[in-house]
Amino acid sequence: VQLQASGGGSVQAGGSLRLSCKTSGINFRIHGMSWYRQAPGNQRDLVGNISSSHSTNYVESVEGRFTISRDNTRNTLYLQMNDLKPEDTAAYYCSTVWRGRQFWGQGTQVTVSS
C-alpha cells in the first residue's frame, strides 16, 4: 500500500490550496479515506474523511472551508482548502486502513502566513 501526498505550499491568509493523495496497492473505490494534519509540537489530528460512497465529515475548525473529494478512476484523494488561516499551518497526511492497519502518506507541508 502506497499513499503519496502532494500539493502543499506557502500561501497568504485567505488563499487556497488543493492537496492530492495518489494511492496504489489497494482497491481504492471501496476504501474510506482520511486527511490528518500535524503542526510542530502537536499531535496528529483528523481533518476529515470520505467514505466509499463519497459521504464526508469534517472537524468543526475546517467545516465550510475545506472539501474532501475522491476520483475513483484515478485512485486519488483530494483536499480543497479555501480561506486558509495561519492556524491551518501543518503537515498534511492522507491515510487509510487496510487489513486492520493504518497506512499514511509521507505528508505535505502547508504554510499560511498572515
C-alpha atoms as a PDB file:
ATOM      1  CA  VAL A   1       0.000   0.000   0.000  1.00  0.00           C
ATOM      2  CA  GLN A   2       1.386   3.368  -1.004  1.00  0.00           C
ATOM      3  CA  LEU A   3      -0.070   6.810  -0.407  1.00  0.00           C
ATOM      4  CA  GLN A   4       1.684   9.778  -1.991  1.00  0.00           C
ATOM      5  CA  ALA A   5       0.524  13.230  -0.950  1.00  0.00           C
ATOM      6  CA  SER A   6       1.367  16.383  -2.858  1.00  0.00           C
ATOM      7  CA  GLY A   7       0.207  19.931  -3.429  1.00  0.00           C
ATOM      8  CA  GLY A   8       1.368  21.689  -0.288  1.00  0.00           C
ATOM      9  CA  GLY A   9       2.960  25.110  -0.329  1.00  0.00           C
ATOM     10  CA  SER A  10       3.046  28.574   1.160  1.00  0.00           C
ATOM     11  CA  VAL A  11       0.105  30.924   0.844  1.00  0.00           C
ATOM     12  CA  GLN A  12      -1.191  34.052   2.481  1.00  0.00           C
ATOM     13  CA  ALA A  13      -4.214  34.016   4.735  1.00  0.00           C
ATOM     14  CA  GLY A  14      -7.386  33.804   2.685  1.00  0.00           C
ATOM     15  CA  GLY A  15      -5.699  31.827  -0.055  1.00  0.00           C
ATOM     16  CA  SER A  16      -6.426  28.341  -1.350  1.00  0.00           C
ATOM     17  CA  LEU A  17      -4.569  25.111  -1.960  1.00  0.00           C
ATOM     18  CA  ARG A  18      -5.570  21.701  -3.251  1.00  0.00           C
ATOM     19  CA  LEU A  19      -3.812  18.645  -1.910  1.00  0.00           C
ATOM     20  CA  SER A  20      -3.764  15.328  -3.727  1.00  0.00           C
ATOM     21  CA  CYS A  21      -3.088  11.815  -2.476  1.00  0.00           C
ATOM     22  CA  LYS A  22      -2.328   9.209  -5.111  1.00  0.00           C
ATOM     23  CA  THR A  23      -2.832   5.650  -3.900  1.00  0.00           C
ATOM     24  CA  SER A  24      -1.685   2.241  -5.063  1.00  0.00           C
ATOM     25  CA  GLY A  25      -1.865  -1.283  -3.718  1.00  0.00           C
ATOM     26  CA  ILE A  26      -5.481  -1.065  -2.557  1.00  0.00           C
ATOM     27  CA  ASN A  27      -8.887  -1.324  -4.173  1.00  0.00           C
ATOM     28  CA  PHE A  28      -9.305   2.412  -3.760  1.00  0.00           C
ATOM     29  CA  ARG A  29     -13.007   2.615  -4.566  1.00  0.00           C
ATOM     30  CA  ILE A  30     -14.045   0.526  -1.557  1.00  0.00           C
ATOM     31  CA  HIS A  31     -11.854   2.300   0.994  1.00  0.00           C
ATOM     32  CA  GLY A  32     -12.742   5.142   3.275  1.00  0.00           C
ATOM     33  CA  MET A  33     -10.007   7.764   3.236  1.00  0.00           C
ATOM     34  CA  SER A  34      -8.940  10.447   5.673  1.00  0.00           C
ATOM     35  CA  TRP A  35      -6.870  13.600   5.892  1.00  0.00           C
ATOM     36  CA  TYR A  36      -4.934  14.442   9.046  1.00  0.00           C
ATOM     37  CA  ARG A  37      -2.637  17.308   9.943  1.00  0.00           C
ATOM     38  CA  GLN A  38       0.158  17.846  12.410  1.00  0.00           C
ATOM     39  CA  ALA A  39       1.595  21.172  13.470  1.00  0.00           C
ATOM     40  CA  PRO A  40       5.069  21.292  15.081  1.00  0.00           C
ATOM     41  CA  GLY A  41       4.891  20.141  18.689  1.00  0.00           C
ATOM     42  CA  ASN A  42       1.315  18.947  18.324  1.00  0.00           C
ATOM     43  CA  GLN A  43      -0.289  15.571  17.858  1.00  0.00           C
ATOM     44  CA  ARG A  44      -1.614  14.439  14.501  1.00  0.00           C
ATOM     45  CA  ASP A  45      -5.283  15.382  14.288  1.00  0.00           C
ATOM     46  CA  LEU A  46      -8.068  14.340  11.979  1.00  0.00           C
ATOM     47  CA  VAL A  47      -9.177  16.950   9.445  1.00  0.00           C
ATOM     48  CA  GLY A  48     -11.934  14.928   7.817  1.00  0.00           C
ATOM     49  CA  ASN A  49     -12.790  11.795   5.937  1.00  0.00           C
ATOM     50  CA  ILE A  50     -14.710  10.461   2.977  1.00  0.00           C
ATOM     51  CA  SER A  51     -16.442   7.116   2.698  1.00  0.00           C
ATOM     52  CA  SER A  52     -16.527   4.789  -0.274  1.00  0.00           C
ATOM     53  CA  SER A  53     -19.958   6.252  -1.031  1.00  0.00           C
ATOM     54  CA  HIS A  54     -18.484   9.780  -1.035  1.00  0.00           C
ATOM     55  CA  SER A  55     -20.096  10.943   2.207  1.00  0.00           C
ATOM     56  CA  THR A  56     -17.837  13.333   4.101  1.00  0.00           C
ATOM     57  CA  ASN A  57     -17.237  14.502   7.653  1.00  0.00           C
ATOM     58  CA  TYR A  58     -15.070  17.365   8.867  1.00  0.00           C
ATOM     59  CA  VAL A  59     -13.809  18.711  12.130  1.00  0.00           C
ATOM     60  CA  GLU A  60     -15.510  21.917  13.152  1.00  0.00           C
ATOM     61  CA  SER A  61     -12.469  24.119  12.590  1.00  0.00           C
ATOM     62  CA  VAL A  62     -12.428  23.415   8.828  1.00  0.00           C
ATOM     63  CA  GLU A  63     -16.137  22.918   8.170  1.00  0.00           C
ATOM     64  CA  GLY A  64     -17.255  25.153   5.316  1.00  0.00           C
ATOM     65  CA  ARG A  65     -13.680  25.926   4.220  1.00  0.00           C
ATOM     66  CA  PHE A  66     -12.256  22.514   3.318  1.00  0.00           C
ATOM     67  CA  THR A  67     -13.715  19.934   0.939  1.00  0.00           C
ATOM     68  CA  ILE A  68     -12.635  16.323   0.635  1.00  0.00           C
ATOM     69  CA  SER A  69     -13.321  14.517  -2.624  1.00  0.00           C
ATOM     70  CA  ARG A  70     -12.150  11.434  -4.442  1.00  0.00           C
ATOM     71  CA  ASP A  71     -11.696  10.295  -8.021  1.00  0.00           C
ATOM     72  CA  ASN A  72     -12.022   6.530  -8.125  1.00  0.00           C
ATOM     73  CA  THR A  73     -10.914   6.456 -11.780  1.00  0.00           C
ATOM     74  CA  ARG A  74      -7.563   7.956 -10.741  1.00  0.00           C
ATOM     75  CA  ASN A  75      -7.275   6.256  -7.318  1.00  0.00           C
ATOM     76  CA  THR A  76      -6.749   9.726  -5.913  1.00  0.00           C
ATOM     77  CA  LEU A  77      -7.996  11.601  -2.869  1.00  0.00           C
ATOM     78  CA  TYR A  78      -8.213  15.400  -2.735  1.00  0.00           C
ATOM     79  CA  LEU A  79      -8.408  18.111  -0.112  1.00  0.00           C
ATOM     80  CA  GLN A  80      -9.534  21.513  -1.355  1.00  0.00           C
ATOM     81  CA  MET A  81      -8.662  24.165   1.207  1.00  0.00           C
ATOM     82  CA  ASN A  82     -10.149  27.627   0.901  1.00  0.00           C
ATOM     83  CA  ASP A  83      -9.974  30.700   3.103  1.00  0.00           C
ATOM     84  CA  LEU A  84      -6.817  29.384   4.703  1.00  0.00           C
ATOM     85  CA  LYS A  85      -5.804  30.714   8.107  1.00  0.00           C
ATOM     86  CA  PRO A  86      -2.405  30.782   9.852  1.00  0.00           C
ATOM     87  CA  GLU A  87      -3.689  28.125  12.253  1.00  0.00           C
ATOM     88  CA  ASP A  88      -4.062  25.751   9.300  1.00  0.00           C
ATOM     89  CA  THR A  89      -0.264  25.636   9.032  1.00  0.00           C
ATOM     90  CA  ALA A  90       0.762  21.997   9.396  1.00  0.00           C
ATOM     91  CA  ALA A  91       1.990  18.933   7.594  1.00  0.00           C
ATOM     92  CA  TYR A  92      -0.994  17.217   5.987  1.00  0.00           C
ATOM     93  CA  TYR A  93      -1.249  13.451   5.722  1.00  0.00           C
ATOM     94  CA  CYS A  94      -3.613  11.171   3.861  1.00  0.00           C
ATOM     95  CA  SER A  95      -4.476   7.877   5.449  1.00  0.00           C
ATOM     96  CA  THR A  96      -6.479   4.695   5.080  1.00  0.00           C
ATOM     97  CA  VAL A  97      -6.972   1.461   6.939  1.00  0.00           C
ATOM     98  CA  TRP A  98      -6.353  -1.857   5.213  1.00  0.00           C
ATOM     99  CA  ARG A  99      -6.460  -5.264   6.867  1.00  0.00           C
ATOM    100  CA  GLY A 100      -6.602  -3.651  10.279  1.00  0.00           C
ATOM    101  CA  ARG A 101      -3.538  -1.489   9.806  1.00  0.00           C
ATOM    102  CA  GLN A 102      -3.448   2.264   9.278  1.00  0.00           C
ATOM    103  CA  PHE A 103      -1.351   3.486   6.367  1.00  0.00           C
ATOM    104  CA  TRP A 104      -0.011   7.021   5.948  1.00  0.00           C
ATOM    105  CA  GLY A 105       1.233   9.143   3.125  1.00  0.00           C
ATOM    106  CA  GLN A 106       4.506  10.979   3.577  1.00  0.00           C
ATOM    107  CA  GLY A 107       2.931  14.327   4.404  1.00  0.00           C
ATOM    108  CA  THR A 108       2.888  17.595   2.525  1.00  0.00           C
ATOM    109  CA  GLN A 109       3.595  20.918   4.226  1.00  0.00           C
ATOM    110  CA  VAL A 110       1.090  23.767   4.187  1.00  0.00           C
ATOM    111  CA  THR A 111       2.241  27.140   5.497  1.00  0.00           C
ATOM    112  CA  VAL A 112      -0.181  30.034   5.815  1.00  0.00           C
ATOM    113  CA  SER A 113       1.172  33.480   6.562  1.00  0.00           C
ATOM    114  CA  SER A 114      -0.837  36.347   7.994  1.00  0.00           C
END
